[in-house]
Amino acid sequence: MKFLERCKECFSASTLREMPWTEEPGGLQSKVSQRVRHDLGTKQQHFFQAEGKKLGLVGWVQNTDQGTVQGRLQGPTSKVRHMQEWLETKGSPKSHIDRASFHNEKVIVKLDYADFQIVK
């Protein structure tokens, strides 16, 4: 049984229309923490934001004083997984990724964010 067919049993029609994705069942939210070493002052959060927007994700990202990048991703599960892989293996040019961790993942029905923002 397809996801939207199952949802019709649980949600009203107006709620189903608000669901921002039809590509696959539900969506995923993931909290991200990434430790990177930067060369030449690379601003990882700008690349993080650009990649998230390219994939159609929403959420936020910020650099921390501890040399990490943290954020929250929301969107279709396959797109969130693609972004997680990008964060683990590629990241911004001229940076070295020490590690990336993803936690507090949960399936969501509605997005909490309208865009992908850089938080200062």
C-alpha atoms as a PDB file:
ATOM      1  CA  MET A   1       0.000   0.000   0.000  1.00  0.00           C
ATOM      2  CA  LYS A   2       1.397   3.393  -0.934  1.00  0.00           C
ATOM      3  CA  PHE A   3       2.112   5.950   1.774  1.00  0.00           C
ATOM      4  CA  LEU A   4      -0.524   8.475   0.716  1.00  0.00           C
ATOM      5  CA  GLU A   5      -3.144   5.739   0.553  1.00  0.00           C
ATOM      6  CA  ARG A   6      -2.255   4.712   4.112  1.00  0.00           C
ATOM      7  CA  CYS A   7      -2.319   8.363   5.196  1.00  0.00           C
ATOM      8  CA  LYS A   8      -5.858   8.848   3.901  1.00  0.00           C
ATOM      9  CA  GLU A   9      -6.915   6.512   6.672  1.00  0.00           C
ATOM     10  CA  CYS A  10      -5.151   8.687   9.299  1.00  0.00           C
ATOM     11  CA  PHE A  11      -5.211  12.296   8.099  1.00  0.00           C
ATOM     12  CA  SER A  12      -7.790  14.701   6.742  1.00  0.00           C
ATOM     13  CA  ALA A  13      -7.668  15.786   3.090  1.00  0.00           C
ATOM     14  CA  SER A  14      -6.494  19.281   4.046  1.00  0.00           C
ATOM     15  CA  THR A  15      -3.536  17.838   5.978  1.00  0.00           C
ATOM     16  CA  LEU A  16      -2.568  15.649   3.033  1.00  0.00           C
ATOM     17  CA  ARG A  17      -2.532  18.673   0.703  1.00  0.00           C
ATOM     18  CA  GLU A  18      -0.062  20.404   3.038  1.00  0.00           C
ATOM     19  CA  MET A  19       2.440  17.551   2.765  1.00  0.00           C
ATOM     20  CA  PRO A  20       5.364  19.020   0.784  1.00  0.00           C
ATOM     21  CA  TRP A  21       6.518  15.809  -0.874  1.00  0.00           C
ATOM     22  CA  THR A  22       4.970  13.039  -2.884  1.00  0.00           C
ATOM     23  CA  GLU A  23       8.225  11.444  -4.034  1.00  0.00           C
ATOM     24  CA  GLU A  24       8.236   8.871  -1.251  1.00  0.00           C
ATOM     25  CA  PRO A  25       6.665   8.057   2.088  1.00  0.00           C
ATOM     26  CA  GLY A  26       6.866  10.872   4.588  1.00  0.00           C
ATOM     27  CA  GLY A  27       9.929  12.930   5.159  1.00  0.00           C
ATOM     28  CA  LEU A  28      12.843  13.006   7.517  1.00  0.00           C
ATOM     29  CA  GLN A  29      14.335  15.483   9.929  1.00  0.00           C
ATOM     30  CA  SER A  30      17.949  15.069  10.974  1.00  0.00           C
ATOM     31  CA  LYS A  31      20.166  17.075  13.306  1.00  0.00           C
ATOM     32  CA  VAL A  32      23.720  17.387  11.970  1.00  0.00           C
ATOM     33  CA  SER A  33      27.107  17.931  13.544  1.00  0.00           C
ATOM     34  CA  GLN A  34      30.203  18.026  11.363  1.00  0.00           C
ATOM     35  CA  ARG A  35      33.808  18.598  12.421  1.00  0.00           C
ATOM     36  CA  VAL A  36      35.905  20.135   9.667  1.00  0.00           C
ATOM     37  CA  ARG A  37      39.319  21.663   9.255  1.00  0.00           C
ATOM     38  CA  HIS A  38      39.285  24.654   6.926  1.00  0.00           C
ATOM     39  CA  ASP A  39      41.916  25.847   4.493  1.00  0.00           C
ATOM     40  CA  LEU A  40      42.087  29.545   3.604  1.00  0.00           C
ATOM     41  CA  GLY A  41      39.093  30.481   5.723  1.00  0.00           C
ATOM     42  CA  THR A  42      36.610  28.355   3.802  1.00  0.00           C
ATOM     43  CA  LYS A  43      33.073  29.042   5.008  1.00  0.00           C
ATOM     44  CA  GLN A  44      31.597  25.549   5.212  1.00  0.00           C
ATOM     45  CA  GLN A  45      28.122  26.793   6.120  1.00  0.00           C
ATOM     46  CA  HIS A  46      27.723  28.533   2.730  1.00  0.00           C
ATOM     47  CA  PHE A  47      28.474  25.301   0.867  1.00  0.00           C
ATOM     48  CA  PHE A  48      26.241  23.363   3.287  1.00  0.00           C
ATOM     49  CA  GLN A  49      23.377  25.792   2.564  1.00  0.00           C
ATOM     50  CA  ALA A  50      23.924  25.718  -1.216  1.00  0.00           C
ATOM     51  CA  GLU A  51      23.917  21.914  -1.330  1.00  0.00           C
ATOM     52  CA  GLY A  52      20.801  21.750   0.840  1.00  0.00           C
ATOM     53  CA  LYS A  53      18.977  24.223  -1.403  1.00  0.00           C
ATOM     54  CA  LYS A  54      20.110  22.352  -4.517  1.00  0.00           C
ATOM     55  CA  LEU A  55      18.504  19.201  -3.090  1.00  0.00           C
ATOM     56  CA  GLY A  56      15.320  21.052  -2.128  1.00  0.00           C
ATOM     57  CA  LEU A  57      15.894  20.682   1.616  1.00  0.00           C
ATOM     58  CA  VAL A  58      15.003  23.212   4.289  1.00  0.00           C
ATOM     59  CA  GLY A  59      16.467  23.903   7.715  1.00  0.00           C
ATOM     60  CA  TRP A  60      19.417  25.818   9.078  1.00  0.00           C
ATOM     61  CA  VAL A  61      23.201  25.667   9.446  1.00  0.00           C
ATOM     62  CA  GLN A  62      25.804  27.506  11.522  1.00  0.00           C
ATOM     63  CA  ASN A  63      29.512  27.422  12.272  1.00  0.00           C
ATOM     64  CA  THR A  64      30.405  27.028  15.930  1.00  0.00           C
ATOM     65  CA  ASP A  65      33.321  28.391  17.943  1.00  0.00           C
ATOM     66  CA  GLN A  66      34.536  24.797  18.405  1.00  0.00           C
ATOM     67  CA  GLY A  67      35.288  24.368  14.698  1.00  0.00           C
ATOM     68  CA  THR A  68      32.157  22.394  13.917  1.00  0.00           C
ATOM     69  CA  VAL A  69      29.249  22.998  11.621  1.00  0.00           C
ATOM     70  CA  GLN A  70      25.833  22.165  12.988  1.00  0.00           C
ATOM     71  CA  GLY A  71      22.362  22.302  11.595  1.00  0.00           C
ATOM     72  CA  ARG A  72      19.024  20.711  10.944  1.00  0.00           C
ATOM     73  CA  LEU A  73      17.825  19.182   7.671  1.00  0.00           C
ATOM     74  CA  GLN A  74      14.247  18.532   6.640  1.00  0.00           C
ATOM     75  CA  GLY A  75      12.839  17.093   3.441  1.00  0.00           C
ATOM     76  CA  PRO A  76      12.215  13.874   1.547  1.00  0.00           C
ATOM     77  CA  THR A  77      14.115  10.965   3.062  1.00  0.00           C
ATOM     78  CA  SER A  78      16.165  10.238  -0.075  1.00  0.00           C
ATOM     79  CA  LYS A  79      17.286  13.882  -0.277  1.00  0.00           C
ATOM     80  CA  VAL A  80      18.233  14.014   3.413  1.00  0.00           C
ATOM     81  CA  ARG A  81      20.241  10.794   2.970  1.00  0.00           C
ATOM     82  CA  HIS A  82      21.965  12.270  -0.095  1.00  0.00           C
ATOM     83  CA  MET A  83      22.901  15.374   1.915  1.00  0.00           C
ATOM     84  CA  GLN A  84      24.194  13.235   4.776  1.00  0.00           C
ATOM     85  CA  GLU A  85      26.431  11.350   2.352  1.00  0.00           C
ATOM     86  CA  TRP A  86      27.679  14.658   0.903  1.00  0.00           C
ATOM     87  CA  LEU A  87      28.470  15.913   4.425  1.00  0.00           C
ATOM     88  CA  GLU A  88      30.386  12.731   5.270  1.00  0.00           C
ATOM     89  CA  THR A  89      32.384  12.437   2.066  1.00  0.00           C
ATOM     90  CA  LYS A  90      32.630  15.716   0.166  1.00  0.00           C
ATOM     91  CA  GLY A  91      31.774  18.939   1.969  1.00  0.00           C
ATOM     92  CA  SER A  92      33.164  22.270   0.879  1.00  0.00           C
ATOM     93  CA  PRO A  93      36.242  22.646  -1.300  1.00  0.00           C
ATOM     94  CA  LYS A  94      39.506  23.008   0.612  1.00  0.00           C
ATOM     95  CA  SER A  95      38.154  21.577   3.845  1.00  0.00           C
ATOM     96  CA  HIS A  96      38.901  18.254   5.486  1.00  0.00           C
ATOM     97  CA  ILE A  97      36.011  16.451   7.166  1.00  0.00           C
ATOM     98  CA  ASP A  98      37.072  14.808  10.416  1.00  0.00           C
ATOM     99  CA  ARG A  99      33.628  13.365  11.110  1.00  0.00           C
ATOM    100  CA  ALA A 100      29.935  13.912  10.559  1.00  0.00           C
ATOM    101  CA  SER A 101      27.217  12.694  12.894  1.00  0.00           C
ATOM    102  CA  PHE A 102      23.476  12.657  12.509  1.00  0.00           C
ATOM    103  CA  HIS A 103      21.098  12.313  15.415  1.00  0.00           C
ATOM    104  CA  ASN A 104      17.561  13.041  16.585  1.00  0.00           C
ATOM    105  CA  GLU A 105      16.228  11.732  13.293  1.00  0.00           C
ATOM    106  CA  LYS A 106      12.490  11.435  13.024  1.00  0.00           C
ATOM    107  CA  VAL A 107       9.858  11.074  10.357  1.00  0.00           C
ATOM    108  CA  ILE A 108       7.867  14.273   9.926  1.00  0.00           C
ATOM    109  CA  VAL A 109       4.624  15.111   8.182  1.00  0.00           C
ATOM    110  CA  LYS A 110       5.068  18.897   7.927  1.00  0.00           C
ATOM    111  CA  LEU A 111       8.156  21.060   7.458  1.00  0.00           C
ATOM    112  CA  ASP A 112       9.128  23.440  10.254  1.00  0.00           C
ATOM    113  CA  TYR A 113      11.159  25.704   7.953  1.00  0.00           C
ATOM    114  CA  ALA A 114      10.374  27.495   4.694  1.00  0.00           C
ATOM    115  CA  ASP A 115      13.954  27.815   3.434  1.00  0.00           C
ATOM    116  CA  PHE A 116      17.540  26.838   4.212  1.00  0.00           C
ATOM    117  CA  GLN A 117      19.109  29.552   6.379  1.00  0.00           C
ATOM    118  CA  ILE A 118      22.544  30.362   7.747  1.00  0.00           C
ATOM    119  CA  VAL A 119      22.303  31.158  11.447  1.00  0.00           C
ATOM    120  CA  LYS A 120      24.946  33.496  12.855  1.00  0.00           C
END
